[in-house]
Amino acid sequence: MASFKTALAIAAGFAALASASAANARGGAKEVFVQDYQFAKPMHGYSGHSGNYYCDYQRLPNRKCSINANGTESCRIVGWTLREMCQ
């Protein structure tokens, strides 16, 4: 029974690779671009189409953490990362 499940999983993996290769051969797959920008305060990015790509943004806090004298962790935000993802 376990060998049947293993064979099924391997076959599913090959099917996924074959369909991905077919999409690449047709030119249907685009590269994904990820770029990080550092700021002192949270910034907004434009989410939408930019040419042939759709871009979206995430605001991620940069935290600096330390352990207090009583053993608890204390964190504060020291900056922000604006992550741009286009595909």
N, C-alpha and C. Protein backbone atom coordinates (compact mmCIF):
# COMPACT_ATOMS: atom_id res chain seq x y z
N MET A 1 0.83 -1.19 0.00
CA MET A 1 0.00 0.00 0.00
C MET A 1 0.87 1.25 0.00
N ALA A 2 1.96 1.22 0.79
CA ALA A 2 2.83 2.39 0.87
C ALA A 2 3.54 2.62 -0.45
N SER A 3 3.93 1.55 -1.15
CA SER A 3 4.62 1.72 -2.43
C SER A 3 3.68 2.30 -3.48
N PHE A 4 2.38 1.97 -3.41
CA PHE A 4 1.40 2.53 -4.33
C PHE A 4 1.28 4.03 -4.09
N LYS A 5 1.23 4.46 -2.82
CA LYS A 5 1.14 5.89 -2.51
C LYS A 5 2.39 6.62 -2.96
N THR A 6 3.55 5.99 -2.79
CA THR A 6 4.80 6.60 -3.22
C THR A 6 4.82 6.76 -4.74
N ALA A 7 4.40 5.72 -5.45
CA ALA A 7 4.36 5.78 -6.91
C ALA A 7 3.37 6.84 -7.38
N LEU A 8 2.25 6.95 -6.70
CA LEU A 8 1.25 7.96 -7.05
C LEU A 8 1.80 9.37 -6.84
N ALA A 9 2.52 9.57 -5.74
CA ALA A 9 3.12 10.88 -5.47
C ALA A 9 4.18 11.23 -6.50
N ILE A 10 5.00 10.26 -6.90
CA ILE A 10 6.02 10.50 -7.92
C ILE A 10 5.37 10.83 -9.26
N ALA A 11 4.32 10.09 -9.61
CA ALA A 11 3.62 10.36 -10.88
C ALA A 11 3.00 11.75 -10.88
N ALA A 12 2.43 12.16 -9.75
CA ALA A 12 1.85 13.50 -9.66
C ALA A 12 2.93 14.57 -9.80
N GLY A 13 4.10 14.32 -9.23
CA GLY A 13 5.21 15.26 -9.36
C GLY A 13 5.67 15.41 -10.80
N PHE A 14 5.78 14.28 -11.51
CA PHE A 14 6.18 14.34 -12.92
C PHE A 14 5.12 15.03 -13.76
N ALA A 15 3.85 14.84 -13.45
CA ALA A 15 2.78 15.50 -14.20
C ALA A 15 2.85 17.01 -13.99
N ALA A 16 3.14 17.44 -12.77
CA ALA A 16 3.26 18.88 -12.50
C ALA A 16 4.45 19.47 -13.25
N LEU A 17 5.57 18.75 -13.28
CA LEU A 17 6.74 19.24 -14.01
C LEU A 17 6.46 19.30 -15.51
N ALA A 18 5.77 18.32 -16.04
CA ALA A 18 5.47 18.30 -17.47
C ALA A 18 4.56 19.46 -17.85
N SER A 19 3.56 19.76 -17.04
CA SER A 19 2.66 20.87 -17.36
C SER A 19 3.37 22.20 -17.22
N ALA A 20 4.28 22.34 -16.26
CA ALA A 20 5.04 23.57 -16.10
C ALA A 20 5.98 23.77 -17.29
N SER A 21 6.60 22.69 -17.76
CA SER A 21 7.48 22.78 -18.92
C SER A 21 6.70 23.16 -20.17
N ALA A 22 5.48 22.63 -20.32
CA ALA A 22 4.65 22.97 -21.46
C ALA A 22 4.27 24.45 -21.44
N ALA A 23 3.98 24.98 -20.26
CA ALA A 23 3.65 26.41 -20.15
C ALA A 23 4.85 27.27 -20.51
N ASN A 24 6.04 26.86 -20.08
CA ASN A 24 7.25 27.61 -20.42
C ASN A 24 7.52 27.55 -21.92
N ALA A 25 7.27 26.43 -22.55
CA ALA A 25 7.52 26.28 -23.98
C ALA A 25 6.59 27.18 -24.78
N ARG A 26 5.37 27.37 -24.31
CA ARG A 26 4.41 28.24 -25.00
C ARG A 26 4.69 29.72 -24.73
N GLY A 27 5.57 30.00 -23.78
CA GLY A 27 5.84 31.39 -23.44
C GLY A 27 4.83 31.95 -22.46
N GLY A 28 4.07 31.10 -21.79
CA GLY A 28 3.03 31.55 -20.88
C GLY A 28 3.54 31.91 -19.50
N ALA A 29 4.73 31.49 -19.16
CA ALA A 29 5.25 31.74 -17.82
C ALA A 29 6.09 33.01 -17.83
N LYS A 30 5.87 33.85 -16.81
CA LYS A 30 6.67 35.06 -16.66
C LYS A 30 7.53 34.94 -15.42
N GLU A 31 8.62 35.69 -15.42
CA GLU A 31 9.47 35.71 -14.25
C GLU A 31 8.78 36.47 -13.13
N VAL A 32 9.15 36.15 -11.90
CA VAL A 32 8.65 36.85 -10.73
C VAL A 32 9.80 37.71 -10.21
N PHE A 33 9.53 38.99 -10.02
CA PHE A 33 10.53 39.92 -9.52
C PHE A 33 10.18 40.32 -8.10
N VAL A 34 11.15 40.25 -7.21
CA VAL A 34 10.96 40.67 -5.81
C VAL A 34 12.07 41.66 -5.48
N GLN A 35 11.67 42.81 -4.96
CA GLN A 35 12.62 43.86 -4.60
C GLN A 35 12.23 44.42 -3.24
N ASP A 36 13.20 44.61 -2.37
CA ASP A 36 12.96 45.18 -1.04
C ASP A 36 13.51 46.60 -0.98
N TYR A 37 12.72 47.49 -0.37
CA TYR A 37 13.14 48.87 -0.15
C TYR A 37 13.05 49.15 1.34
N GLN A 38 14.05 49.81 1.91
CA GLN A 38 14.10 50.11 3.34
C GLN A 38 13.69 51.56 3.59
N PHE A 39 12.83 51.78 4.60
CA PHE A 39 12.37 53.12 4.96
C PHE A 39 12.31 53.25 6.47
N ALA A 40 12.31 54.49 6.94
CA ALA A 40 12.20 54.76 8.37
C ALA A 40 10.75 54.68 8.83
N LYS A 41 9.81 54.93 7.95
CA LYS A 41 8.38 54.87 8.30
C LYS A 41 7.65 54.00 7.28
N PRO A 42 6.45 53.53 7.60
CA PRO A 42 5.73 52.66 6.65
C PRO A 42 5.34 53.43 5.40
N MET A 43 5.60 52.84 4.25
CA MET A 43 5.29 53.46 2.97
C MET A 43 4.28 52.59 2.22
N HIS A 44 3.56 53.22 1.31
CA HIS A 44 2.58 52.51 0.49
C HIS A 44 3.15 52.31 -0.90
N GLY A 45 2.76 51.23 -1.53
CA GLY A 45 3.11 50.96 -2.92
C GLY A 45 1.84 50.84 -3.73
N TYR A 46 1.93 51.05 -5.04
CA TYR A 46 0.79 50.93 -5.93
C TYR A 46 0.60 49.47 -6.31
N SER A 47 -0.55 48.92 -6.00
CA SER A 47 -0.85 47.55 -6.40
C SER A 47 -1.68 47.59 -7.67
N GLY A 48 -1.17 46.99 -8.71
CA GLY A 48 -1.88 46.97 -9.98
C GLY A 48 -0.95 46.62 -11.11
N HIS A 49 -1.46 46.80 -12.32
CA HIS A 49 -0.68 46.44 -13.51
C HIS A 49 0.34 47.52 -13.83
N SER A 50 1.52 47.05 -14.19
CA SER A 50 2.60 47.91 -14.65
C SER A 50 3.16 47.26 -15.90
N GLY A 51 2.69 47.68 -17.05
CA GLY A 51 3.07 47.02 -18.29
C GLY A 51 2.46 45.63 -18.35
N ASN A 52 3.29 44.62 -18.59
CA ASN A 52 2.82 43.24 -18.67
C ASN A 52 2.76 42.56 -17.31
N TYR A 53 3.16 43.24 -16.27
CA TYR A 53 3.27 42.63 -14.96
C TYR A 53 2.22 43.18 -14.00
N TYR A 54 1.83 42.35 -13.04
CA TYR A 54 0.98 42.80 -11.94
C TYR A 54 1.87 42.88 -10.71
N CYS A 55 1.91 44.05 -10.08
CA CYS A 55 2.77 44.27 -8.92
C CYS A 55 1.93 44.46 -7.67
N ASP A 56 2.42 43.92 -6.58
CA ASP A 56 1.77 44.07 -5.29
C ASP A 56 2.86 44.35 -4.25
N TYR A 57 2.47 44.93 -3.14
CA TYR A 57 3.43 45.36 -2.13
C TYR A 57 3.04 44.86 -0.75
N GLN A 58 4.05 44.61 0.09
CA GLN A 58 3.85 44.26 1.49
C GLN A 58 4.66 45.24 2.33
N ARG A 59 4.06 45.70 3.43
CA ARG A 59 4.79 46.51 4.40
C ARG A 59 5.18 45.61 5.56
N LEU A 60 6.48 45.45 5.80
CA LEU A 60 6.98 44.54 6.82
C LEU A 60 7.78 45.34 7.85
N PRO A 61 7.43 45.23 9.13
CA PRO A 61 8.21 45.95 10.15
C PRO A 61 9.55 45.28 10.41
N ASN A 62 10.58 46.07 10.60
CA ASN A 62 11.90 45.57 11.02
C ASN A 62 11.97 45.76 12.53
N ARG A 63 12.06 44.66 13.25
CA ARG A 63 12.04 44.72 14.72
C ARG A 63 13.42 44.45 15.31
N LYS A 64 13.67 45.10 16.43
CA LYS A 64 14.87 44.82 17.22
C LYS A 64 14.36 44.36 18.58
N CYS A 65 14.74 43.16 18.97
CA CYS A 65 14.25 42.57 20.21
C CYS A 65 15.38 42.41 21.21
N SER A 66 15.02 42.49 22.47
CA SER A 66 15.99 42.26 23.55
C SER A 66 15.26 41.60 24.72
N ILE A 67 16.03 40.97 25.58
CA ILE A 67 15.48 40.32 26.77
C ILE A 67 15.62 41.28 27.95
N ASN A 68 14.51 41.53 28.62
CA ASN A 68 14.50 42.41 29.79
C ASN A 68 15.14 41.71 30.99
N ALA A 69 15.36 42.46 32.07
CA ALA A 69 15.95 41.91 33.29
C ALA A 69 15.07 40.83 33.90
N ASN A 70 13.74 40.94 33.71
CA ASN A 70 12.83 39.94 34.28
C ASN A 70 12.64 38.73 33.35
N GLY A 71 13.37 38.68 32.21
CA GLY A 71 13.33 37.51 31.35
C GLY A 71 12.31 37.57 30.23
N THR A 72 11.57 38.65 30.11
CA THR A 72 10.60 38.76 29.02
C THR A 72 11.24 39.45 27.82
N GLU A 73 10.74 39.13 26.65
CA GLU A 73 11.27 39.72 25.43
C GLU A 73 10.54 41.02 25.12
N SER A 74 11.28 42.02 24.77
CA SER A 74 10.72 43.32 24.42
C SER A 74 11.20 43.68 23.01
N CYS A 75 10.27 44.00 22.13
CA CYS A 75 10.61 44.32 20.74
C CYS A 75 10.12 45.72 20.40
N ARG A 76 10.88 46.37 19.52
CA ARG A 76 10.43 47.67 19.02
C ARG A 76 10.72 47.72 17.53
N ILE A 77 9.93 48.50 16.81
CA ILE A 77 10.09 48.65 15.37
C ILE A 77 11.15 49.72 15.12
N VAL A 78 12.19 49.35 14.36
CA VAL A 78 13.29 50.28 14.08
C VAL A 78 13.30 50.74 12.62
N GLY A 79 12.43 50.20 11.80
CA GLY A 79 12.34 50.59 10.40
C GLY A 79 11.31 49.75 9.68
N TRP A 80 11.15 50.00 8.39
CA TRP A 80 10.15 49.29 7.61
C TRP A 80 10.75 48.84 6.28
N THR A 81 10.30 47.68 5.83
CA THR A 81 10.66 47.16 4.51
C THR A 81 9.42 47.16 3.65
N LEU A 82 9.52 47.76 2.47
CA LEU A 82 8.45 47.69 1.49
C LEU A 82 8.88 46.68 0.45
N ARG A 83 8.19 45.54 0.39
CA ARG A 83 8.55 44.45 -0.53
C ARG A 83 7.64 44.53 -1.76
N GLU A 84 8.27 44.69 -2.91
CA GLU A 84 7.57 44.75 -4.19
C GLU A 84 7.67 43.38 -4.86
N MET A 85 6.53 42.85 -5.27
CA MET A 85 6.48 41.55 -5.98
C MET A 85 5.72 41.73 -7.27
N CYS A 86 6.39 41.48 -8.39
CA CYS A 86 5.75 41.63 -9.70
C CYS A 86 5.82 40.29 -10.44
N GLN A 87 4.70 39.93 -11.06
CA GLN A 87 4.67 38.71 -11.86
C GLN A 87 3.77 38.89 -13.05
